Amino acid sequence: EKEMVDEAAYEFAETETMLKTAEGIAGPYLWGIYDLLVLPPTFPFGGM
C-alpha cells in the first residue's frame, strides 16, 4: 500500500546485492524478476 511503499523501498535497498551474493554461492538466478510485497500485519510469517 502506498502508505508503506517508500519505507519498504528504503528497508530493502540491499536486495540486489543479496541476489548477486547468492548467485556467487548457489549459481544463476533462474526466475527472472525478484519482487517483494509487504503485506498487511495479519500475514502469519516473516516471509514467504
ModelCIF file with pLDDT and N, C-alpha, C, O atoms, coordinates in Angstrom:
data_MODEL
#
_entry.id   MODEL 
#
_entity.id                         1 
_entity.type                       polymer 
_entity.pdbx_number_of_molecules   1 
#
_entity_poly.entity_id                      1 
_entity_poly.type                           'polypeptide(L)' 
_entity_poly.nstd_linkage                   no 
_entity_poly.nstd_monomer                   no 
_entity_poly.pdbx_seq_one_letter_code       EKEMVDEAAYEFAETETMLKTAEGIAGPYLWGIYDLLVLPPTFPFGGM 
_entity_poly.pdbx_seq_one_letter_code_can   EKEMVDEAAYEFAETETMLKTAEGIAGPYLWGIYDLLVLPPTFPFGGM 
_entity_poly.pdbx_strand_id                 A 
#
loop_
_entity_poly_seq.entity_id 
_entity_poly_seq.num 
_entity_poly_seq.mon_id 
_entity_poly_seq.hetero 
1 1  GLU n 
1 2  LYS n 
1 3  GLU n 
1 4  MET n 
1 5  VAL n 
1 6  ASP n 
1 7  GLU n 
1 8  ALA n 
1 9  ALA n 
1 10 TYR n 
1 11 GLU n 
1 12 PHE n 
1 13 ALA n 
1 14 GLU n 
1 15 THR n 
1 16 GLU n 
1 17 THR n 
1 18 MET n 
1 19 LEU n 
1 20 LYS n 
1 21 THR n 
1 22 ALA n 
1 23 GLU n 
1 24 GLY n 
1 25 ILE n 
1 26 ALA n 
1 27 GLY n 
1 28 PRO n 
1 29 TYR n 
1 30 LEU n 
1 31 TRP n 
1 32 GLY n 
1 33 ILE n 
1 34 TYR n 
1 35 ASP n 
1 36 LEU n 
1 37 LEU n 
1 38 VAL n 
1 39 LEU n 
1 40 PRO n 
1 41 PRO n 
1 42 THR n 
1 43 PHE n 
1 44 PRO n 
1 45 PHE n 
1 46 GLY n 
1 47 GLY n 
1 48 MET n 
#
_struct_asym.id          A 
_struct_asym.entity_id   1 
#
loop_
_ma_qa_metric.id 
_ma_qa_metric.mode 
_ma_qa_metric.name 
_ma_qa_metric.software_group_id 
_ma_qa_metric.type 
1 global pLDDT . pLDDT 
2 local  pLDDT . pLDDT 
#
_ma_qa_metric_global.metric_id      1 
_ma_qa_metric_global.metric_value   96.52 
_ma_qa_metric_global.model_id       1 
_ma_qa_metric_global.ordinal_id     1 
#
loop_
_ma_qa_metric_local.label_asym_id 
_ma_qa_metric_local.label_comp_id 
_ma_qa_metric_local.label_seq_id 
_ma_qa_metric_local.metric_id 
_ma_qa_metric_local.metric_value 
_ma_qa_metric_local.model_id 
_ma_qa_metric_local.ordinal_id 
A GLU 1  2 97.00 1 1  
A LYS 2  2 95.00 1 2  
A GLU 3  2 95.00 1 3  
A MET 4  2 95.00 1 4  
A VAL 5  2 97.00 1 5  
A ASP 6  2 97.00 1 6  
A GLU 7  2 96.00 1 7  
A ALA 8  2 97.00 1 8  
A ALA 9  2 97.00 1 9  
A TYR 10 2 97.00 1 10 
A GLU 11 2 96.00 1 11 
A PHE 12 2 97.00 1 12 
A ALA 13 2 96.00 1 13 
A GLU 14 2 95.00 1 14 
A THR 15 2 97.00 1 15 
A GLU 16 2 97.00 1 16 
A THR 17 2 97.00 1 17 
A MET 18 2 97.00 1 18 
A LEU 19 2 98.00 1 19 
A LYS 20 2 98.00 1 20 
A THR 21 2 98.00 1 21 
A ALA 22 2 98.00 1 22 
A GLU 23 2 98.00 1 23 
A GLY 24 2 98.00 1 24 
A ILE 25 2 98.00 1 25 
A ALA 26 2 98.00 1 26 
A GLY 27 2 98.00 1 27 
A PRO 28 2 98.00 1 28 
A TYR 29 2 98.00 1 29 
A LEU 30 2 98.00 1 30 
A TRP 31 2 98.00 1 31 
A GLY 32 2 97.00 1 32 
A ILE 33 2 98.00 1 33 
A TYR 34 2 98.00 1 34 
A ASP 35 2 98.00 1 35 
A LEU 36 2 98.00 1 36 
A LEU 37 2 98.00 1 37 
A VAL 38 2 97.00 1 38 
A LEU 39 2 96.00 1 39 
A PRO 40 2 93.00 1 40 
A PRO 41 2 93.00 1 41 
A THR 42 2 92.00 1 42 
A PHE 43 2 94.00 1 43 
A PRO 44 2 93.00 1 44 
A PHE 45 2 94.00 1 45 
A GLY 46 2 93.00 1 46 
A GLY 47 2 95.00 1 47 
A MET 48 2 97.00 1 48 
#
loop_
_atom_site.group_PDB 
_atom_site.id 
_atom_site.type_symbol 
_atom_site.label_atom_id 
_atom_site.label_alt_id 
_atom_site.label_comp_id 
_atom_site.label_asym_id 
_atom_site.label_entity_id 
_atom_site.label_seq_id 
_atom_site.pdbx_PDB_ins_code 
_atom_site.Cartn_x 
_atom_site.Cartn_y 
_atom_site.Cartn_z 
_atom_site.occupancy 
_atom_site.B_iso_or_equiv 
_atom_site.pdbx_formal_charge 
_atom_site.auth_seq_id 
_atom_site.auth_comp_id 
_atom_site.auth_asym_id 
_atom_site.auth_atom_id 
_atom_site.pdbx_PDB_model_num 
ATOM 1   N N  . GLU A 1 1  ? 0.862  -1.181  0.000   1.00 97.00 ? 1  GLU A N  1 
ATOM 2   C CA . GLU A 1 1  ? 0.000  0.000   0.000   1.00 97.00 ? 1  GLU A CA 1 
ATOM 3   C C  . GLU A 1 1  ? 0.901  1.235   0.000   1.00 97.00 ? 1  GLU A C  1 
ATOM 4   O O  . GLU A 1 1  ? 2.013  1.197   0.528   1.00 97.00 ? 1  GLU A O  1 
ATOM 5   N N  . LYS A 1 2  ? 0.428  2.307   -0.583  1.00 95.00 ? 2  LYS A N  1 
ATOM 6   C CA . LYS A 1 2  ? 1.298  3.463   -0.793  1.00 95.00 ? 2  LYS A CA 1 
ATOM 7   C C  . LYS A 1 2  ? 1.778  4.079   0.516   1.00 95.00 ? 2  LYS A C  1 
ATOM 8   O O  . LYS A 1 2  ? 2.796  4.771   0.541   1.00 95.00 ? 2  LYS A O  1 
ATOM 9   N N  . GLU A 1 3  ? 1.048  3.831   1.605   1.00 95.00 ? 3  GLU A N  1 
ATOM 10  C CA . GLU A 1 3  ? 1.458  4.369   2.897   1.00 95.00 ? 3  GLU A CA 1 
ATOM 11  C C  . GLU A 1 3  ? 2.775  3.761   3.389   1.00 95.00 ? 3  GLU A C  1 
ATOM 12  O O  . GLU A 1 3  ? 3.447  4.350   4.236   1.00 95.00 ? 3  GLU A O  1 
ATOM 13  N N  . MET A 1 4  ? 3.147  2.591   2.866   1.00 95.00 ? 4  MET A N  1 
ATOM 14  C CA . MET A 1 4  ? 4.371  1.926   3.321   1.00 95.00 ? 4  MET A CA 1 
ATOM 15  C C  . MET A 1 4  ? 5.424  1.770   2.239   1.00 95.00 ? 4  MET A C  1 
ATOM 16  O O  . MET A 1 4  ? 6.536  1.331   2.532   1.00 95.00 ? 4  MET A O  1 
ATOM 17  N N  . VAL A 1 5  ? 5.111  2.115   1.003   1.00 97.00 ? 5  VAL A N  1 
ATOM 18  C CA . VAL A 1 5  ? 5.974  1.696   -0.105  1.00 97.00 ? 5  VAL A CA 1 
ATOM 19  C C  . VAL A 1 5  ? 7.347  2.357   -0.078  1.00 97.00 ? 5  VAL A C  1 
ATOM 20  O O  . VAL A 1 5  ? 8.343  1.704   -0.389  1.00 97.00 ? 5  VAL A O  1 
ATOM 21  N N  . ASP A 1 6  ? 7.423  3.634   0.284   1.00 97.00 ? 6  ASP A N  1 
ATOM 22  C CA . ASP A 1 6  ? 8.729  4.293   0.319   1.00 97.00 ? 6  ASP A CA 1 
ATOM 23  C C  . ASP A 1 6  ? 9.572  3.779   1.480   1.00 97.00 ? 6  ASP A C  1 
ATOM 24  O O  . ASP A 1 6  ? 10.784 3.607   1.349   1.00 97.00 ? 6  ASP A O  1 
ATOM 25  N N  . GLU A 1 7  ? 8.931  3.539   2.603   1.00 96.00 ? 7  GLU A N  1 
ATOM 26  C CA . GLU A 1 7  ? 9.624  2.954   3.757   1.00 96.00 ? 7  GLU A CA 1 
ATOM 27  C C  . GLU A 1 7  ? 10.185 1.580   3.406   1.00 96.00 ? 7  GLU A C  1 
ATOM 28  O O  . GLU A 1 7  ? 11.316 1.249   3.761   1.00 96.00 ? 7  GLU A O  1 
ATOM 29  N N  . ALA A 1 8  ? 9.376  0.784   2.702   1.00 97.00 ? 8  ALA A N  1 
ATOM 30  C CA . ALA A 1 8  ? 9.817  -0.552  2.298   1.00 97.00 ? 8  ALA A CA 1 
ATOM 31  C C  . ALA A 1 8  ? 10.959 -0.474  1.285   1.00 97.00 ? 8  ALA A C  1 
ATOM 32  O O  . ALA A 1 8  ? 11.894 -1.272  1.337   1.00 97.00 ? 8  ALA A O  1 
ATOM 33  N N  . ALA A 1 9  ? 10.883 0.485   0.368   1.00 97.00 ? 9  ALA A N  1 
ATOM 34  C CA . ALA A 1 9  ? 11.951 0.633   -0.632  1.00 97.00 ? 9  ALA A CA 1 
ATOM 35  C C  . ALA A 1 9  ? 13.281 0.944   0.048   1.00 97.00 ? 9  ALA A C  1 
ATOM 36  O O  . ALA A 1 9  ? 14.323 0.441   -0.372  1.00 97.00 ? 9  ALA A O  1 
ATOM 37  N N  . TYR A 1 10 ? 13.254 1.762   1.086   1.00 97.00 ? 10 TYR A N  1 
ATOM 38  C CA . TYR A 1 10 ? 14.475 2.047   1.839   1.00 97.00 ? 10 TYR A CA 1 
ATOM 39  C C  . TYR A 1 10 ? 14.974 0.798   2.563   1.00 97.00 ? 10 TYR A C  1 
ATOM 40  O O  . TYR A 1 10 ? 16.163 0.481   2.534   1.00 97.00 ? 10 TYR A O  1 
ATOM 41  N N  . GLU A 1 11 ? 14.042 0.094   3.215   1.00 96.00 ? 11 GLU A N  1 
ATOM 42  C CA . GLU A 1 11 ? 14.416 -1.048  4.047   1.00 96.00 ? 11 GLU A CA 1 
ATOM 43  C C  . GLU A 1 11 ? 15.093 -2.153  3.231   1.00 96.00 ? 11 GLU A C  1 
ATOM 44  O O  . GLU A 1 11 ? 16.007 -2.824  3.710   1.00 96.00 ? 11 GLU A O  1 
ATOM 45  N N  . PHE A 1 12 ? 14.632 -2.328  1.998   1.00 97.00 ? 12 PHE A N  1 
ATOM 46  C CA . PHE A 1 12 ? 15.090 -3.462  1.205   1.00 97.00 ? 12 PHE A CA 1 
ATOM 47  C C  . PHE A 1 12 ? 16.029 -3.049  0.077   1.00 97.00 ? 12 PHE A C  1 
ATOM 48  O O  . PHE A 1 12 ? 16.119 -3.732  -0.943  1.00 97.00 ? 12 PHE A O  1 
ATOM 49  N N  . ALA A 1 13 ? 16.722 -1.940  0.261   1.00 96.00 ? 13 ALA A N  1 
ATOM 50  C CA . ALA A 1 13 ? 17.593 -1.396  -0.780  1.00 96.00 ? 13 ALA A CA 1 
ATOM 51  C C  . ALA A 1 13 ? 18.756 -2.325  -1.128  1.00 96.00 ? 13 ALA A C  1 
ATOM 52  O O  . ALA A 1 13 ? 19.335 -2.207  -2.208  1.00 96.00 ? 13 ALA A O  1 
ATOM 53  N N  . GLU A 1 14 ? 19.105 -3.251  -0.225  1.00 95.00 ? 14 GLU A N  1 
ATOM 54  C CA . GLU A 1 14 ? 20.245 -4.144  -0.466  1.00 95.00 ? 14 GLU A CA 1 
ATOM 55  C C  . GLU A 1 14 ? 19.852 -5.437  -1.173  1.00 95.00 ? 14 GLU A C  1 
ATOM 56  O O  . GLU A 1 14 ? 20.659 -6.364  -1.252  1.00 95.00 ? 14 GLU A O  1 
ATOM 57  N N  . THR A 1 15 ? 18.639 -5.512  -1.683  1.00 97.00 ? 15 THR A N  1 
ATOM 58  C CA . THR A 1 15 ? 18.142 -6.762  -2.262  1.00 97.00 ? 15 THR A CA 1 
ATOM 59  C C  . THR A 1 15 ? 19.005 -7.249  -3.423  1.00 97.00 ? 15 THR A C  1 
ATOM 60  O O  . THR A 1 15 ? 19.335 -8.433  -3.486  1.00 97.00 ? 15 THR A O  1 
ATOM 61  N N  . GLU A 1 16 ? 19.372 -6.364  -4.336  1.00 97.00 ? 16 GLU A N  1 
ATOM 62  C CA . GLU A 1 16 ? 20.172 -6.789  -5.483  1.00 97.00 ? 16 GLU A CA 1 
ATOM 63  C C  . GLU A 1 16 ? 21.542 -7.308  -5.047  1.00 97.00 ? 16 GLU A C  1 
ATOM 64  O O  . GLU A 1 16 ? 22.058 -8.269  -5.619  1.00 97.00 ? 16 GLU A O  1 
ATOM 65  N N  . THR A 1 17 ? 22.124 -6.674  -4.042  1.00 97.00 ? 17 THR A N  1 
ATOM 66  C CA . THR A 1 17 ? 23.400 -7.154  -3.516  1.00 97.00 ? 17 THR A CA 1 
ATOM 67  C C  . THR A 1 17 ? 23.244 -8.564  -2.951  1.00 97.00 ? 17 THR A C  1 
ATOM 68  O O  . THR A 1 17 ? 24.104 -9.422  -3.154  1.00 97.00 ? 17 THR A O  1 
ATOM 69  N N  . MET A 1 18 ? 22.136 -8.796  -2.239  1.00 97.00 ? 18 MET A N  1 
ATOM 70  C CA . MET A 1 18 ? 21.877 -10.140 -1.711  1.00 97.00 ? 18 MET A CA 1 
ATOM 71  C C  . MET A 1 18 ? 21.714 -11.151 -2.834  1.00 97.00 ? 18 MET A C  1 
ATOM 72  O O  . MET A 1 18 ? 22.229 -12.266 -2.754  1.00 97.00 ? 18 MET A O  1 
ATOM 73  N N  . LEU A 1 19 ? 20.993 -10.759 -3.888  1.00 98.00 ? 19 LEU A N  1 
ATOM 74  C CA . LEU A 1 19 ? 20.793 -11.655 -5.027  1.00 98.00 ? 19 LEU A CA 1 
ATOM 75  C C  . LEU A 1 19 ? 22.118 -12.037 -5.670  1.00 98.00 ? 19 LEU A C  1 
ATOM 76  O O  . LEU A 1 19 ? 22.376 -13.211 -5.937  1.00 98.00 ? 19 LEU A O  1 
ATOM 77  N N  . LYS A 1 20 ? 22.957 -11.033 -5.915  1.00 98.00 ? 20 LYS A N  1 
ATOM 78  C CA . LYS A 1 20 ? 24.257 -11.298 -6.537  1.00 98.00 ? 20 LYS A CA 1 
ATOM 79  C C  . LYS A 1 20 ? 25.135 -12.166 -5.640  1.00 98.00 ? 20 LYS A C  1 
ATOM 80  O O  . LYS A 1 20 ? 25.844 -13.050 -6.120  1.00 98.00 ? 20 LYS A O  1 
ATOM 81  N N  . THR A 1 21 ? 25.082 -11.912 -4.355  1.00 98.00 ? 21 THR A N  1 
ATOM 82  C CA . THR A 1 21 ? 25.862 -12.712 -3.413  1.00 98.00 ? 21 THR A CA 1 
ATOM 83  C C  . THR A 1 21 ? 25.402 -14.160 -3.433  1.00 98.00 ? 21 THR A C  1 
ATOM 84  O O  . THR A 1 21 ? 26.221 -15.079 -3.439  1.00 98.00 ? 21 THR A O  1 
ATOM 85  N N  . ALA A 1 22 ? 24.089 -14.359 -3.445  1.00 98.00 ? 22 ALA A N  1 
ATOM 86  C CA . ALA A 1 22 ? 23.540 -15.720 -3.500  1.00 98.00 ? 22 ALA A CA 1 
ATOM 87  C C  . ALA A 1 22 ? 23.953 -16.418 -4.798  1.00 98.00 ? 22 ALA A C  1 
ATOM 88  O O  . ALA A 1 22 ? 24.300 -17.599 -4.787  1.00 98.00 ? 22 ALA A O  1 
ATOM 89  N N  . GLU A 1 23 ? 23.916 -15.692 -5.907  1.00 98.00 ? 23 GLU A N  1 
ATOM 90  C CA . GLU A 1 23 ? 24.313 -16.278 -7.187  1.00 98.00 ? 23 GLU A CA 1 
ATOM 91  C C  . GLU A 1 23 ? 25.766 -16.747 -7.152  1.00 98.00 ? 23 GLU A C  1 
ATOM 92  O O  . GLU A 1 23 ? 26.114 -17.769 -7.744  1.00 98.00 ? 23 GLU A O  1 
ATOM 93  N N  . GLY A 1 24 ? 26.605 -15.994 -6.456  1.00 98.00 ? 24 GLY A N  1 
ATOM 94  C CA . GLY A 1 24 ? 28.006 -16.365 -6.355  1.00 98.00 ? 24 GLY A CA 1 
ATOM 95  C C  . GLY A 1 24 ? 28.222 -17.660 -5.606  1.00 98.00 ? 24 GLY A C  1 
ATOM 96  O O  . GLY A 1 24 ? 29.247 -18.320 -5.778  1.00 98.00 ? 24 GLY A O  1 
ATOM 97  N N  . ILE A 1 25 ? 27.252 -18.031 -4.770  1.00 98.00 ? 25 ILE A N  1 
ATOM 98  C CA . ILE A 1 25 ? 27.358 -19.264 -3.987  1.00 98.00 ? 25 ILE A CA 1 
ATOM 99  C C  . ILE A 1 25 ? 26.596 -20.409 -4.646  1.00 98.00 ? 25 ILE A C  1 
ATOM 100 O O  . ILE A 1 25 ? 27.109 -21.523 -4.754  1.00 98.00 ? 25 ILE A O  1 
ATOM 101 N N  . ALA A 1 26 ? 25.356 -20.127 -5.090  1.00 98.00 ? 26 ALA A N  1 
ATOM 102 C CA . ALA A 1 26 ? 24.428 -21.193 -5.494  1.00 98.00 ? 26 ALA A CA 1 
ATOM 103 C C  . ALA A 1 26 ? 24.234 -21.324 -6.998  1.00 98.00 ? 26 ALA A C  1 
ATOM 104 O O  . ALA A 1 26 ? 23.647 -22.306 -7.454  1.00 98.00 ? 26 ALA A O  1 
ATOM 105 N N  . GLY A 1 27 ? 24.716 -20.355 -7.783  1.00 98.00 ? 27 GLY A N  1 
ATOM 106 C CA . GLY A 1 27 ? 24.528 -20.426 -9.218  1.00 98.00 ? 27 GLY A CA 1 
ATOM 107 C C  . GLY A 1 27 ? 23.534 -19.394 -9.709  1.00 98.00 ? 27 GLY A C  1 
ATOM 108 O O  . GLY A 1 27 ? 22.974 -18.654 -8.901  1.00 98.00 ? 27 GLY A O  1 
ATOM 109 N N  . PRO A 1 28 ? 23.297 -19.320 -11.022 1.00 98.00 ? 28 PRO A N  1 
ATOM 110 C CA . PRO A 1 28 ? 22.451 -18.268 -11.604 1.00 98.00 ? 28 PRO A CA 1 
ATOM 111 C C  . PRO A 1 28 ? 21.026 -18.264 -11.038 1.00 98.00 ? 28 PRO A C  1 
ATOM 112 O O  . PRO A 1 28 ? 20.450 -19.309 -10.735 1.00 98.00 ? 28 PRO A O  1 
ATOM 113 N N  . TYR A 1 29 ? 20.485 -17.058 -10.908 1.00 98.00 ? 29 TYR A N  1 
ATOM 114 C CA . TYR A 1 29 ? 19.084 -16.881 -10.509 1.00 98.00 ? 29 TYR A CA 1 
ATOM 115 C C  . TYR A 1 29 ? 18.217 -17.117 -11.746 1.00 98.00 ? 29 TYR A C  1 
ATOM 116 O O  . TYR A 1 29 ? 18.363 -16.410 -12.742 1.00 98.00 ? 29 TYR A O  1 
ATOM 117 N N  . LEU A 1 30 ? 17.328 -18.090 -11.696 1.00 98.00 ? 30 LEU A N  1 
ATOM 118 C CA . LEU A 1 30 ? 16.609 -18.556 -12.884 1.00 98.00 ? 30 LEU A CA 1 
ATOM 119 C C  . LEU A 1 30 ? 15.170 -18.080 -12.988 1.00 98.00 ? 30 LEU A C  1 
ATOM 120 O O  . LEU A 1 30 ? 14.434 -18.534 -13.864 1.00 98.00 ? 30 LEU A O  1 
ATOM 121 N N  . TRP A 1 31 ? 14.754 -17.176 -12.113 1.00 98.00 ? 31 TRP A N  1 
ATOM 122 C CA . TRP A 1 31 ? 13.344 -16.806 -12.046 1.00 98.00 ? 31 TRP A CA 1 
ATOM 123 C C  . TRP A 1 31 ? 13.033 -15.465 -12.708 1.00 98.00 ? 31 TRP A C  1 
ATOM 124 O O  . TRP A 1 31 ? 11.885 -15.022 -12.683 1.00 98.00 ? 31 TRP A O  1 
ATOM 125 N N  . GLY A 1 32 ? 14.023 -14.818 -13.294 1.00 97.00 ? 32 GLY A N  1 
ATOM 126 C CA . GLY A 1 32 ? 13.770 -13.547 -13.967 1.00 97.00 ? 32 GLY A CA 1 
ATOM 127 C C  . GLY A 1 32 ? 13.696 -12.398 -12.991 1.00 97.00 ? 32 GLY A C  1 
ATOM 128 O O  . GLY A 1 32 ? 14.724 -11.825 -12.629 1.00 97.00 ? 32 GLY A O  1 
ATOM 129 N N  . ILE A 1 33 ? 12.500 -12.052 -12.559 1.00 98.00 ? 33 ILE A N  1 
ATOM 130 C CA . ILE A 1 33 ? 12.319 -10.943 -11.622 1.00 98.00 ? 33 ILE A CA 1 
ATOM 131 C C  . ILE A 1 33 ? 12.348 -11.460 -10.180 1.00 98.00 ? 33 ILE A C  1 
ATOM 132 O O  . ILE A 1 33 ? 12.086 -12.633 -9.910  1.00 98.00 ? 33 ILE A O  1 
ATOM 133 N N  . TYR A 1 34 ? 12.678 -10.535 -9.261  1.00 98.00 ? 34 TYR A N  1 
ATOM 134 C CA . TYR A 1 34 ? 12.573 -10.845 -7.832  1.00 98.00 ? 34 TYR A CA 1 
ATOM 135 C C  . TYR A 1 34 ? 11.902 -9.650  -7.162  1.00 98.00 ? 34 TYR A C  1 
ATOM 136 O O  . TYR A 1 34 ? 12.573 -8.716  -6.722  1.00 98.00 ? 34 TYR A O  1 
ATOM 137 N N  . ASP A 1 35 ? 10.570 -9.688  -7.088  1.00 98.00 ? 35 ASP A N  1 
ATOM 138 C CA . ASP A 1 35 ? 9.809  -8.611  -6.472  1.00 98.00 ? 35 ASP A CA 1 
ATOM 139 C C  . ASP A 1 35 ? 9.480  -8.960  -5.025  1.00 98.00 ? 35 ASP A C  1 
ATOM 140 O O  . ASP A 1 35 ? 9.436  -10.128 -4.640  1.00 98.00 ? 35 ASP A O  1 
ATOM 141 N N  . LEU A 1 36 ? 9.253  -7.922  -4.245  1.00 98.00 ? 36 LEU A N  1 
ATOM 142 C CA . LEU A 1 36 ? 8.890  -8.059  -2.838  1.00 98.00 ? 36 LEU A CA 1 
ATOM 143 C C  . LEU A 1 36 ? 7.536  -7.408  -2.606  1.00 98.00 ? 36 LEU A C  1 
ATOM 144 O O  . LEU A 1 36 ? 7.243  -6.352  -3.168  1.00 98.00 ? 36 LEU A O  1 
ATOM 145 N N  . LEU A 1 37 ? 6.726  -8.026  -1.793  1.00 98.00 ? 37 LEU A N  1 
ATOM 146 C CA . LEU A 1 37 ? 5.421  -7.471  -1.436  1.00 98.00 ? 37 LEU A CA 1 
ATOM 147 C C  . LEU A 1 37 ? 5.315  -7.400  0.080   1.00 98.00 ? 37 LEU A C  1 
ATOM 148 O O  . LEU A 1 37 ? 5.379  -8.427  0.756   1.00 98.00 ? 37 LEU A O  1 
ATOM 149 N N  . VAL A 1 38 ? 5.154  -6.200  0.614   1.00 97.00 ? 38 VAL A N  1 
ATOM 150 C CA . VAL A 1 38 ? 4.917  -6.036  2.049   1.00 97.00 ? 38 VAL A CA 1 
ATOM 151 C C  . VAL A 1 38 ? 3.417  -6.139  2.286   1.00 97.00 ? 38 VAL A C  1 
ATOM 152 O O  . VAL A 1 38 ? 2.638  -5.318  1.803   1.00 97.00 ? 38 VAL A O  1 
ATOM 153 N N  . LEU A 1 39 ? 3.033  -7.153  3.031   1.00 96.00 ? 39 LEU A N  1 
ATOM 154 C CA . LEU A 1 39 ? 1.629  -7.481  3.248   1.00 96.00 ? 39 LEU A CA 1 
ATOM 155 C C  . LEU A 1 39 ? 1.068  -6.761  4.472   1.00 96.00 ? 39 LEU A C  1 
ATOM 156 O O  . LEU A 1 39 ? 1.821  -6.149  5.230   1.00 96.00 ? 39 LEU A O  1 
ATOM 157 N N  . PRO A 1 40 ? -0.235 -6.829  4.668   1.00 93.00 ? 40 PRO A N  1 
ATOM 158 C CA . PRO A 1 40 ? -0.815 -6.325  5.920   1.00 93.00 ? 40 PRO A CA 1 
ATOM 159 C C  . PRO A 1 40 ? -0.287 -7.084  7.127   1.00 93.00 ? 40 PRO A C  1 
ATOM 160 O O  . PRO A 1 40 ? 0.261  -8.176  6.974   1.00 93.00 ? 40 PRO A O  1 
ATOM 161 N N  . PRO A 1 41 ? -0.441 -6.529  8.319   1.00 93.00 ? 41 PRO A N  1 
ATOM 162 C CA . PRO A 1 41 ? 0.160  -7.117  9.533   1.00 93.00 ? 41 PRO A CA 1 
ATOM 163 C C  . PRO A 1 41 ? -0.340 -8.506  9.887   1.00 93.00 ? 41 PRO A C  1 
ATOM 164 O O  . PRO A 1 41 ? 0.329  -9.211  10.643  1.00 93.00 ? 41 PRO A O  1 
ATOM 165 N N  . THR A 1 42 ? -1.503 -8.935  9.366   1.00 92.00 ? 42 THR A N  1 
ATOM 166 C CA . THR A 1 42 ? -2.020 -10.259 9.711   1.00 92.00 ? 42 THR A CA 1 
ATOM 167 C C  . THR A 1 42 ? -1.230 -11.387 9.075   1.00 92.00 ? 42 THR A C  1 
ATOM 168 O O  . THR A 1 42 ? -1.414 -12.543 9.454   1.00 92.00 ? 42 THR A O  1 
ATOM 169 N N  . PHE A 1 43 ? -0.349 -11.090 8.111   1.00 94.00 ? 43 PHE A N  1 
ATOM 170 C CA . PHE A 1 43 ? 0.419  -12.146 7.454   1.00 94.00 ? 43 PHE A CA 1 
ATOM 171 C C  . PHE A 1 43 ? 1.162  -12.963 8.508   1.00 94.00 ? 43 PHE A C  1 
ATOM 172 O O  . PHE A 1 43 ? 1.855  -12.389 9.348   1.00 94.00 ? 43 PHE A O  1 
ATOM 173 N N  . PRO A 1 44 ? 1.028  -14.315 8.482   1.00 93.00 ? 44 PRO A N  1 
ATOM 174 C CA . PRO A 1 44 ? 1.493  -15.113 9.626   1.00 93.00 ? 44 PRO A CA 1 
ATOM 175 C C  . PRO A 1 44 ? 2.979  -15.436 9.663   1.00 93.00 ? 44 PRO A C  1 
ATOM 176 O O  . PRO A 1 44 ? 3.459  -15.984 10.655  1.00 93.00 ? 44 PRO A O  1 
ATOM 177 N N  . PHE A 1 45 ? 3.726  -15.109 8.602   1.00 94.00 ? 45 PHE A N  1 
ATOM 178 C CA . PHE A 1 45 ? 5.135  -15.485 8.565   1.00 94.00 ? 45 PHE A CA 1 
ATOM 179 C C  . PHE A 1 45 ? 6.020  -14.266 8.375   1.00 94.00 ? 45 PHE A C  1 
ATOM 180 O O  . PHE A 1 45 ? 5.547  -13.190 8.009   1.00 94.00 ? 45 PHE A O  1 
ATOM 181 N N  . GLY A 1 46 ? 7.329  -14.450 8.630   1.00 93.00 ? 46 GLY A N  1 
ATOM 182 C CA . GLY A 1 46 ? 8.273  -13.371 8.356   1.00 93.00 ? 46 GLY A CA 1 
ATOM 183 C C  . GLY A 1 46 ? 8.348  -13.091 6.873   1.00 93.00 ? 46 GLY A C  1 
ATOM 184 O O  . GLY A 1 46 ? 8.391  -11.938 6.443   1.00 93.00 ? 46 GLY A O  1 
ATOM 185 N N  . GLY A 1 47 ? 8.364  -14.156 6.097   1.00 95.00 ? 47 GLY A N  1 
ATOM 186 C CA . GLY A 1 47 ? 8.360  -14.054 4.652   1.00 95.00 ? 47 GLY A CA 1 
ATOM 187 C C  . GLY A 1 47 ? 7.867  -15.356 4.064   1.00 95.00 ? 47 GLY A C  1 
ATOM 188 O O  . GLY A 1 47 ? 7.862  -16.392 4.730   1.00 95.00 ? 47 GLY A O  1 
ATOM 189 N N  . MET A 1 48 ? 7.450  -15.295 2.809   1.00 97.00 ? 48 MET A N  1 
ATOM 190 C CA . MET A 1 48 ? 7.058  -16.494 2.078   1.00 97.00 ? 48 MET A CA 1 
ATOM 191 C C  . MET A 1 48 ? 7.660  -16.396 0.696   1.00 97.00 ? 48 MET A C  1 
ATOM 192 O O  . MET A 1 48 ? 7.474  -17.295 -0.124  1.00 97.00 ? 48 MET A O  1 
#
